[in-house]
Amino acid sequence: MTIPRFSECHQAALDCLARGDAREAFGQVRFALAHDPAIATDSERWREAFELFARISEDIAGDDLAILVQQTVDNPDNAQALYELGYELIEQGLPGIAATALTRANLLVPNQEPILIELAVALGGDQRCFEAVRVLREAPEVVEQSFLCRYLLAYNTLMSGDLDEPRRLLPRLLQTENPDQQTAARRIEGMLLRADTVRTVTPLDENDLRGWHFVVTGGLLLHLSPYGFEEGMRGRYAFTQDDPARCLEGIRRLAAVLDCWQLHPARIWRLEDTDSAALALAGGQILGCPVEPWPAEGSRDEGLIVAYDLATLADKTLAALHPHRPGQVLWAQAACWTQEPPFAADLTTYLYQYNVSPWGERLRVNPESRETETLPASTAPAEARAAAVVAAELEANALEDVPSLVALAQAMRGLTGDHAAGALRQSGPRRRQGTNSPVLSNRFF
């Protein structure tokens, strides 16, 4: 998407504030505040832009953030104030605007480790890993002395699709005796080992969403969206309304992978929410497995745990699912790629930005009026929903890439231990599924 200059959206934001609509005003200027380079380099433009942001912040986020913003308006050359604002904006989930503040701080006082660390974090959080690599490489002496800067350089180069730089940095990262730093270093080690394990069967290029999903999370992505692949989506969905046929496709793909891994679940665990329960019941019929309710206190017994979307589960359920256990495999039908889910499922059918479950409130075009209308959410029980999945019909080409999926799954078996594929691990916490990836997709706001 084209990011407007601040000058192009300033007046529209002022008009929104005049109407008392601070959120709409923020929507008008949010991307300019994050991406207009002149704001960080010109003190007068900084004052103009962040004076407006201070007014918006007061209405939306309260006095504490507004005060931090106003301090940088009063003195745009105060690097400490800019650093504190950038840090808080990261905490507020606004890494793009944080990067603008931290870029200005870095220009005023270059080569300061705390500023460089937070700037790299902000840029990475805004999916600008290439820029994070650039700013770190411009400070080689700091990177040489700082473990965190070296780690961030390794991580962001890897998230830019470069495996050579992380490989060069890894031996020194692993020398640390600090436990937290060891965990970070081993995260890089794991991604490199997973890349080496599958690089003969998958290209790991800028379009290889499935391959990089395994490298980064250890999980296997079963389905790639065919929509807009060459126009910037690269296998992810933006807005999608799931349906029973895609659920059936997910189960068929899951079955092919489990067969490849020679995993034969003793049972399917049925979670308590209706969407997950429907998938579990459908999976039980198709895979020929008994279905048992997941105990309220969790279970250590083996089985395939079926979740529709981890982000919709109760905290107590998530806590029970977080650790790997022998013989337990976690499959999720859907996972968001623009907001970090609780953790990575061992297998995920597809990635979305906005998703509607097959039984949620959904949009359709009325065949008679040709007008868009909203259909209410289904009240059908899990058994009826499962029956719809089992009875669904797949399009003729729905499973045409299963051979390449199985080839990747077969290669994944070559890595064991802590860095192995999630489905093949016996212990340890499930990995994060962050919002960064070497495969970029268009986002919609």
Protein backbone atom coordinates (compact mmCIF):
# COMPACT_ATOMS: atom_id res chain seq x y z
CA MET A 1 0.00 0.00 0.00
CA THR A 2 1.05 3.61 -0.56
CA ILE A 3 1.90 5.39 2.69
CA PRO A 4 0.77 9.05 2.64
CA ARG A 5 3.06 11.87 3.67
CA PHE A 6 1.99 13.58 6.86
CA SER A 7 1.23 16.78 4.95
CA GLU A 8 -1.31 14.86 2.86
CA CYS A 9 -3.37 13.63 5.81
CA HIS A 10 -2.81 16.36 8.43
CA GLN A 11 -5.90 18.40 7.60
CA ALA A 12 -8.16 15.35 7.43
CA ALA A 13 -7.01 14.36 10.92
CA LEU A 14 -7.65 17.88 12.24
CA ASP A 15 -11.16 17.74 10.79
CA CYS A 16 -11.77 14.44 12.60
CA LEU A 17 -10.60 15.95 15.90
CA ALA A 18 -12.90 18.91 15.35
CA ARG A 19 -15.78 16.43 15.14
CA GLY A 20 -14.59 14.75 18.34
CA ASP A 21 -13.47 11.57 16.57
CA ALA A 22 -9.92 10.95 17.82
CA ARG A 23 -9.84 7.34 16.63
CA GLU A 24 -10.63 8.33 13.07
CA ALA A 25 -8.02 11.07 13.33
CA PHE A 26 -5.48 8.45 14.37
CA GLY A 27 -6.49 6.28 11.44
CA GLN A 28 -5.79 9.20 9.11
CA VAL A 29 -2.22 9.80 10.32
CA ARG A 30 -1.09 6.48 11.80
CA PHE A 31 0.87 5.28 8.79
CA ALA A 32 2.39 8.65 8.03
CA LEU A 33 3.63 8.90 11.63
CA ALA A 34 5.30 5.52 11.19
CA HIS A 35 6.68 5.87 7.67
CA ASP A 36 7.13 9.50 6.59
CA PRO A 37 10.93 9.87 6.83
CA ALA A 38 10.82 13.67 7.04
CA ILE A 39 9.22 13.54 10.49
CA ALA A 40 12.30 11.95 12.07
CA THR A 41 14.81 14.21 10.33
CA ASP A 42 13.16 17.65 10.53
CA SER A 43 12.44 19.15 13.96
CA GLU A 44 9.65 21.42 12.69
CA ARG A 45 7.87 18.56 10.97
CA TRP A 46 8.35 16.53 14.13
CA ARG A 47 6.65 19.23 16.20
CA GLU A 48 3.75 19.53 13.78
CA ALA A 49 3.17 15.78 13.53
CA PHE A 50 3.62 14.88 17.18
CA GLU A 51 1.68 17.88 18.47
CA LEU A 52 -1.27 16.35 16.66
CA PHE A 53 -0.36 12.89 17.97
CA ALA A 54 -0.29 14.27 21.53
CA ARG A 55 -3.87 15.51 21.14
CA ILE A 56 -4.96 12.17 19.71
CA SER A 57 -3.13 10.24 22.45
CA GLU A 58 -4.81 12.20 25.22
CA ASP A 59 -8.24 11.17 23.93
CA ILE A 60 -7.41 7.56 23.08
CA ALA A 61 -4.67 6.43 25.49
CA GLY A 62 -4.84 8.92 28.36
CA ASP A 63 -2.56 11.45 29.98
CA ASP A 64 0.53 9.28 30.55
CA LEU A 65 1.23 8.67 26.87
CA ALA A 66 0.17 12.19 25.89
CA ILE A 67 2.69 13.65 28.35
CA LEU A 68 5.52 11.56 26.88
CA VAL A 69 4.57 12.69 23.38
CA GLN A 70 4.31 16.34 24.40
CA GLN A 71 7.77 16.25 25.98
CA THR A 72 9.24 15.44 22.56
CA VAL A 73 7.19 18.24 20.99
CA ASP A 74 8.54 20.73 23.51
CA ASN A 75 12.10 19.53 22.90
CA PRO A 76 12.44 17.39 19.76
CA ASP A 77 16.22 17.19 20.28
CA ASN A 78 15.96 15.46 23.66
CA ALA A 79 17.19 11.96 22.82
CA GLN A 80 16.26 10.56 26.23
CA ALA A 81 12.67 11.75 25.87
CA LEU A 82 12.52 10.26 22.38
CA TYR A 83 13.89 6.97 23.70
CA GLU A 84 11.33 6.84 26.51
CA LEU A 85 8.53 7.60 24.07
CA GLY A 86 9.72 4.92 21.66
CA TYR A 87 9.92 2.35 24.44
CA GLU A 88 6.38 3.13 25.59
CA LEU A 89 5.00 3.03 22.04
CA ILE A 90 6.42 -0.48 21.63
CA GLU A 91 4.64 -1.45 24.84
CA GLN A 92 1.44 0.11 23.46
CA GLY A 93 1.64 -2.04 20.32
CA LEU A 94 2.65 0.82 18.01
CA PRO A 95 6.09 -0.27 16.79
CA GLY A 96 5.93 1.75 13.57
CA ILE A 97 5.51 5.08 15.35
CA ALA A 98 8.04 3.94 17.95
CA ALA A 99 10.53 3.43 15.12
CA THR A 100 10.06 7.06 14.06
CA ALA A 101 10.84 8.32 17.57
CA LEU A 102 13.80 5.98 17.99
CA THR A 103 15.15 6.83 14.53
CA ARG A 104 15.26 10.49 15.53
CA ALA A 105 16.97 9.57 18.80
CA ASN A 106 19.53 7.50 16.90
CA LEU A 107 20.22 10.39 14.53
CA LEU A 108 20.78 12.76 17.46
CA VAL A 109 23.04 10.41 19.47
CA PRO A 110 24.30 7.62 17.21
CA ASN A 111 25.74 4.30 18.34
CA GLN A 112 24.00 4.09 21.71
CA GLU A 113 23.23 0.48 22.60
CA PRO A 114 19.84 1.03 24.34
CA ILE A 115 18.53 3.14 21.45
CA LEU A 116 19.79 0.69 18.81
CA ILE A 117 18.21 -2.26 20.62
CA GLU A 118 14.78 -0.65 20.88
CA LEU A 119 14.99 0.71 17.32
CA ALA A 120 15.74 -2.77 15.96
CA VAL A 121 12.89 -4.21 18.05
CA ALA A 122 10.49 -1.54 16.77
CA LEU A 123 11.47 -2.01 13.13
CA GLY A 124 11.18 -5.77 13.44
CA GLY A 125 7.79 -5.40 15.12
CA ASP A 126 6.68 -3.29 12.15
CA GLN A 127 7.83 -6.02 9.71
CA ARG A 128 10.76 -3.89 8.56
CA CYS A 129 13.50 -6.41 9.28
CA PHE A 130 15.58 -5.19 6.34
CA GLU A 131 15.71 -1.74 7.94
CA ALA A 132 16.61 -3.23 11.32
CA VAL A 133 19.53 -5.00 9.65
CA ARG A 134 20.65 -1.74 8.04
CA VAL A 135 20.70 0.29 11.27
CA LEU A 136 22.56 -2.45 13.14
CA ARG A 137 25.16 -2.82 10.41
CA GLU A 138 25.74 0.93 10.56
CA ALA A 139 26.94 0.49 14.17
CA PRO A 140 29.51 -2.35 13.93
CA GLU A 141 31.37 -1.39 17.12
CA VAL A 142 28.18 -1.54 19.18
CA VAL A 143 27.19 -4.87 17.63
CA GLU A 144 30.65 -6.22 18.43
CA GLN A 145 30.25 -5.35 22.12
CA SER A 146 26.54 -6.10 22.63
CA PHE A 147 25.02 -9.59 22.79
CA LEU A 148 21.51 -8.22 22.22
CA CYS A 149 22.57 -6.27 19.15
CA ARG A 150 24.30 -9.35 17.73
CA TYR A 151 21.21 -11.43 18.44
CA LEU A 152 18.94 -8.85 16.82
CA LEU A 153 21.22 -8.73 13.79
CA ALA A 154 21.11 -12.52 13.50
CA TYR A 155 17.34 -12.62 13.98
CA ASN A 156 16.51 -9.81 11.56
CA THR A 157 18.85 -11.06 8.84
CA LEU A 158 17.22 -14.47 9.15
CA MET A 159 13.79 -12.84 8.94
CA SER A 160 15.04 -11.13 5.79
CA GLY A 161 15.73 -14.53 4.23
CA ASP A 162 19.51 -14.49 4.81
CA LEU A 163 20.87 -17.64 6.47
CA ASP A 164 24.58 -16.84 6.07
CA GLU A 165 24.86 -13.91 8.50
CA PRO A 166 23.08 -15.72 11.37
CA ARG A 167 25.31 -18.72 10.75
CA ARG A 168 28.39 -16.49 11.05
CA LEU A 169 27.11 -14.90 14.27
CA LEU A 170 25.86 -18.08 15.95
CA PRO A 171 29.12 -19.49 17.42
CA ARG A 172 29.76 -16.34 19.41
CA LEU A 173 26.11 -16.08 20.47
CA LEU A 174 26.32 -19.60 21.88
CA GLN A 175 29.36 -18.71 24.02
CA THR A 176 27.25 -16.77 26.52
CA GLU A 177 26.74 -18.18 30.01
CA ASN A 178 23.67 -16.04 30.71
CA PRO A 179 20.61 -18.38 30.74
CA ASP A 180 18.29 -15.88 29.02
CA GLN A 181 20.88 -15.17 26.37
CA GLN A 182 21.44 -18.90 25.89
CA THR A 183 17.72 -19.30 25.19
CA ALA A 184 17.88 -16.55 22.56
CA ALA A 185 21.01 -18.02 20.96
CA ARG A 186 19.45 -21.47 20.80
CA ARG A 187 16.42 -19.98 19.11
CA ILE A 188 18.68 -18.88 16.24
CA GLU A 189 20.42 -22.27 16.32
CA GLY A 190 17.07 -24.05 16.01
CA MET A 191 15.93 -22.00 13.04
CA LEU A 192 19.21 -22.64 11.21
CA LEU A 193 19.04 -26.38 11.89
CA ARG A 194 15.45 -26.56 10.67
CA ALA A 195 16.43 -24.65 7.52
CA ASP A 196 19.27 -27.10 6.88
CA THR A 197 16.89 -30.02 7.43
CA VAL A 198 14.43 -29.03 4.68
CA ARG A 199 16.37 -26.88 2.22
CA THR A 200 16.75 -29.77 -0.25
CA VAL A 201 12.97 -30.16 -0.59
CA THR A 202 11.73 -26.57 -0.35
CA PRO A 203 13.23 -23.38 -1.82
CA LEU A 204 13.16 -21.12 1.27
CA ASP A 205 12.78 -18.11 -1.00
CA GLU A 206 10.63 -15.00 -0.67
CA ASN A 207 7.49 -16.98 -1.66
CA ASP A 208 8.01 -20.15 0.40
CA LEU A 209 5.54 -19.51 3.21
CA ARG A 210 5.24 -23.16 4.21
CA GLY A 211 8.99 -23.74 4.33
CA TRP A 212 9.73 -20.63 6.38
CA HIS A 213 6.80 -21.35 8.71
CA PHE A 214 8.56 -24.57 9.67
CA VAL A 215 11.95 -22.87 10.01
CA VAL A 216 10.62 -20.13 12.29
CA THR A 217 8.03 -22.02 14.38
CA GLY A 218 8.69 -25.73 13.88
CA GLY A 219 5.06 -26.07 12.80
CA LEU A 220 3.67 -27.34 9.51
CA LEU A 221 1.30 -25.17 7.47
CA LEU A 222 -1.15 -27.43 5.67
CA HIS A 223 -2.99 -25.08 3.28
CA LEU A 224 -1.85 -22.09 1.22
CA SER A 225 -4.38 -19.51 0.11
CA PRO A 226 -4.64 -19.41 -3.70
CA TYR A 227 -5.99 -15.85 -3.68
CA GLY A 228 -3.65 -13.02 -4.61
CA PHE A 229 -0.55 -15.19 -4.33
CA GLU A 230 1.31 -13.27 -7.02
CA GLU A 231 -0.23 -9.95 -5.93
CA GLY A 232 1.42 -9.89 -2.53
CA MET A 233 -0.48 -12.36 -0.31
CA ARG A 234 1.88 -15.33 -0.88
CA GLY A 235 -0.32 -17.99 0.67
CA ARG A 236 -1.91 -16.06 3.54
CA TYR A 237 -5.49 -14.87 3.73
CA ALA A 238 -6.49 -11.26 4.38
CA PHE A 239 -10.24 -11.50 5.06
CA THR A 240 -11.67 -14.99 4.78
CA GLN A 241 -14.86 -16.82 5.68
CA ASP A 242 -14.07 -20.43 6.46
CA ASP A 243 -16.44 -23.19 5.39
CA PRO A 244 -16.97 -26.93 5.97
CA ALA A 245 -15.11 -27.81 2.76
CA ARG A 246 -11.91 -26.10 3.93
CA CYS A 247 -12.27 -27.85 7.30
CA LEU A 248 -12.53 -31.17 5.45
CA GLU A 249 -9.50 -30.24 3.36
CA GLY A 250 -7.57 -29.52 6.54
CA ILE A 251 -8.44 -32.95 7.94
CA ARG A 252 -7.45 -34.69 4.69
CA ARG A 253 -4.11 -32.89 4.65
CA LEU A 254 -3.61 -33.65 8.34
CA ALA A 255 -4.26 -37.34 7.66
CA ALA A 256 -1.65 -37.42 4.89
CA VAL A 257 0.98 -35.88 7.17
CA LEU A 258 0.21 -38.13 10.14
CA ASP A 259 0.50 -41.14 7.85
CA CYS A 260 3.86 -39.86 6.58
CA TRP A 261 5.08 -39.51 10.17
CA GLN A 262 3.62 -42.92 11.05
CA LEU A 263 1.64 -41.31 13.84
CA HIS A 264 -1.60 -43.08 14.69
CA PRO A 265 -3.37 -41.20 17.48
CA ALA A 266 -4.94 -43.37 20.14
CA ARG A 267 -7.71 -40.79 20.48
CA ILE A 268 -8.81 -37.36 19.39
CA TRP A 269 -9.16 -34.87 22.20
CA ARG A 270 -12.32 -32.76 21.96
CA LEU A 271 -12.01 -29.26 23.43
CA GLU A 272 -15.02 -27.60 25.00
CA ASP A 273 -15.74 -24.79 22.50
CA THR A 274 -18.26 -25.77 19.83
CA ASP A 275 -16.10 -25.02 16.78
CA SER A 276 -13.20 -27.12 18.08
CA ALA A 277 -15.59 -29.87 19.16
CA ALA A 278 -17.12 -30.00 15.67
CA LEU A 279 -13.70 -30.43 14.07
CA ALA A 280 -12.77 -33.12 16.60
CA LEU A 281 -15.94 -35.09 15.88
CA ALA A 282 -15.44 -34.76 12.12
CA GLY A 283 -11.81 -35.79 12.49
CA GLY A 284 -12.81 -38.82 14.52
CA GLN A 285 -15.13 -40.02 11.76
CA ILE A 286 -12.64 -39.42 8.95
CA LEU A 287 -9.53 -40.71 10.75
CA GLY A 288 -11.33 -43.58 12.44
CA CYS A 289 -10.32 -42.51 15.96
CA PRO A 290 -12.34 -42.45 19.17
CA VAL A 291 -13.15 -38.93 20.38
CA GLU A 292 -12.86 -38.09 24.07
CA PRO A 293 -13.55 -34.83 25.92
CA TRP A 294 -10.43 -32.96 27.00
CA PRO A 295 -10.37 -33.03 30.81
CA ALA A 296 -10.87 -29.68 32.53
CA GLU A 297 -7.51 -30.12 34.28
CA GLY A 298 -5.76 -31.21 31.06
CA SER A 299 -4.19 -34.58 30.36
CA ARG A 300 -0.79 -36.18 29.84
CA ASP A 301 -2.27 -39.01 27.76
CA GLU A 302 -1.40 -39.18 24.08
CA GLY A 303 -3.76 -38.13 21.34
CA LEU A 304 -4.51 -35.58 18.64
CA ILE A 305 -5.71 -32.32 20.20
CA VAL A 306 -8.02 -30.44 17.83
CA ALA A 307 -8.55 -26.69 18.14
CA TYR A 308 -10.34 -24.45 15.70
CA ASP A 309 -8.31 -21.33 16.65
CA LEU A 310 -5.97 -21.13 19.65
CA ALA A 311 -6.72 -17.42 20.04
CA THR A 312 -10.32 -18.22 21.02
CA LEU A 313 -9.50 -20.72 23.78
CA ALA A 314 -9.76 -20.09 27.52
CA ASP A 315 -6.56 -19.28 29.41
CA LYS A 316 -6.81 -22.47 31.47
CA THR A 317 -7.01 -24.59 28.33
CA LEU A 318 -4.07 -22.76 26.76
CA ALA A 319 -1.98 -23.31 29.89
CA ALA A 320 -2.62 -27.06 29.64
CA LEU A 321 -1.77 -27.12 25.92
CA HIS A 322 1.41 -25.04 26.13
CA PRO A 323 3.86 -27.84 27.01
CA HIS A 324 4.70 -30.63 24.57
CA ARG A 325 3.99 -34.10 25.92
CA PRO A 326 4.86 -37.54 24.55
CA GLY A 327 2.34 -38.66 21.96
CA GLN A 328 0.34 -35.41 21.93
CA VAL A 329 -0.05 -33.53 18.64
CA LEU A 330 -1.84 -30.17 18.42
CA TRP A 331 -3.68 -29.22 15.23
CA ALA A 332 -5.37 -25.83 14.74
CA GLN A 333 -7.55 -25.04 11.76
CA ALA A 334 -6.82 -21.29 11.70
CA ALA A 335 -4.23 -18.87 13.10
CA CYS A 336 -3.84 -15.11 12.79
CA TRP A 337 -0.62 -13.89 11.18
CA THR A 338 -0.92 -10.17 12.00
CA GLN A 339 -1.43 -10.65 15.74
CA GLU A 340 0.67 -13.18 17.61
CA PRO A 341 -1.34 -16.23 18.71
CA PRO A 342 -0.75 -17.77 22.15
CA PHE A 343 1.83 -20.16 20.65
CA ALA A 344 2.42 -22.18 17.50
CA ALA A 345 0.30 -25.26 16.90
CA ASP A 346 2.17 -28.33 15.65
CA LEU A 347 0.05 -28.22 12.50
CA THR A 348 -2.04 -25.30 11.26
CA THR A 349 -4.35 -25.41 8.27
CA TYR A 350 -4.18 -21.74 7.23
CA LEU A 351 -3.16 -18.21 8.26
CA TYR A 352 -5.53 -15.23 8.25
CA GLN A 353 -5.68 -11.55 9.09
CA TYR A 354 -9.47 -11.49 9.59
CA ASN A 355 -11.34 -14.77 9.84
CA VAL A 356 -14.94 -15.92 10.24
CA SER A 357 -15.47 -19.51 11.35
CA PRO A 358 -17.83 -21.66 9.25
CA TRP A 359 -20.46 -21.15 11.92
CA GLY A 360 -19.88 -17.51 12.82
CA GLU A 361 -21.81 -14.42 11.76
CA ARG A 362 -20.95 -13.95 8.11
CA LEU A 363 -21.53 -11.84 5.03
CA ARG A 364 -23.15 -13.00 1.83
CA VAL A 365 -24.63 -11.50 -1.32
CA ASN A 366 -28.39 -12.00 -1.41
CA PRO A 367 -29.06 -13.89 -4.68
CA GLU A 368 -32.29 -11.99 -5.30
CA SER A 369 -31.49 -8.42 -4.26
CA ARG A 370 -27.74 -8.67 -5.03
CA GLU A 371 -27.21 -6.71 -1.82
CA THR A 372 -24.69 -7.67 0.86
CA GLU A 373 -26.34 -8.97 4.01
CA THR A 374 -25.21 -10.38 7.35
CA LEU A 375 -26.23 -13.88 8.33
CA PRO A 376 -26.45 -14.66 12.06
CA ALA A 377 -24.08 -17.11 13.71
CA SER A 378 -25.14 -20.74 13.68
CA THR A 379 -26.73 -22.24 16.78
CA ALA A 380 -26.28 -25.81 15.53
CA PRO A 381 -24.66 -28.24 17.99
CA ALA A 382 -21.19 -29.64 17.41
CA GLU A 383 -22.59 -32.91 16.05
CA ALA A 384 -24.51 -31.15 13.27
CA ARG A 385 -21.51 -29.00 12.39
CA ALA A 386 -19.30 -32.09 12.21
CA ALA A 387 -21.80 -33.77 9.89
CA ALA A 388 -21.57 -30.78 7.53
CA VAL A 389 -17.78 -31.10 7.45
CA VAL A 390 -17.86 -34.84 6.74
CA ALA A 391 -20.45 -34.34 3.97
CA ALA A 392 -18.63 -31.41 2.33
CA GLU A 393 -17.31 -31.75 -1.22
CA LEU A 394 -13.80 -30.69 -2.16
CA GLU A 395 -12.93 -29.00 -5.43
CA ALA A 396 -11.09 -31.21 -7.87
CA ASN A 397 -7.72 -29.51 -7.30
CA ALA A 398 -8.08 -28.94 -3.55
CA LEU A 399 -5.38 -31.49 -2.65
CA GLU A 400 -3.09 -31.16 -5.65
CA ASP A 401 -0.07 -29.95 -3.64
CA VAL A 402 -0.30 -32.71 -1.02
CA PRO A 403 2.75 -34.52 -2.51
CA SER A 404 4.96 -31.47 -1.86
CA LEU A 405 3.42 -31.10 1.61
CA VAL A 406 4.24 -34.72 2.39
CA ALA A 407 7.78 -34.34 1.00
CA LEU A 408 8.36 -31.46 3.42
CA ALA A 409 6.85 -33.45 6.28
CA GLN A 410 9.13 -36.37 5.46
CA ALA A 411 12.20 -34.13 5.51
CA MET A 412 11.12 -32.67 8.86
CA ARG A 413 11.56 -36.10 10.43
CA GLY A 414 15.31 -35.76 9.94
CA LEU A 415 15.69 -33.40 12.91
CA THR A 416 15.24 -34.65 16.47
CA GLY A 417 15.63 -33.17 19.93
CA ASP A 418 14.72 -29.70 21.17
CA HIS A 419 14.86 -28.13 17.71
CA ALA A 420 12.67 -30.74 16.00
CA ALA A 421 9.28 -30.19 14.42
CA GLY A 422 6.70 -29.39 17.08
CA ALA A 423 4.68 -32.53 16.40
CA LEU A 424 7.76 -34.69 17.00
CA ARG A 425 8.86 -33.12 20.30
CA GLN A 426 8.30 -34.90 23.58
CA SER A 427 8.80 -32.05 26.05
CA GLY A 428 9.41 -28.34 26.41
CA PRO A 429 7.12 -25.37 25.75
CA ARG A 430 5.53 -24.85 22.36
CA ARG A 431 7.29 -22.16 20.36
CA ARG A 432 6.14 -18.65 19.67
CA GLN A 433 4.47 -17.85 16.38
CA GLY A 434 5.45 -14.24 15.87
CA THR A 435 4.25 -11.87 13.18
CA ASN A 436 7.60 -11.72 11.36
CA SER A 437 8.57 -13.92 8.44
CA PRO A 438 10.95 -13.81 5.48
CA VAL A 439 7.78 -14.11 3.37
CA LEU A 440 5.96 -10.77 3.36
CA SER A 441 2.25 -10.34 2.67
CA ASN A 442 0.03 -7.33 2.14
CA ARG A 443 -1.80 -6.17 5.24
CA PHE A 444 -5.18 -4.49 5.32
CA PHE A 445 -6.32 -2.03 7.97
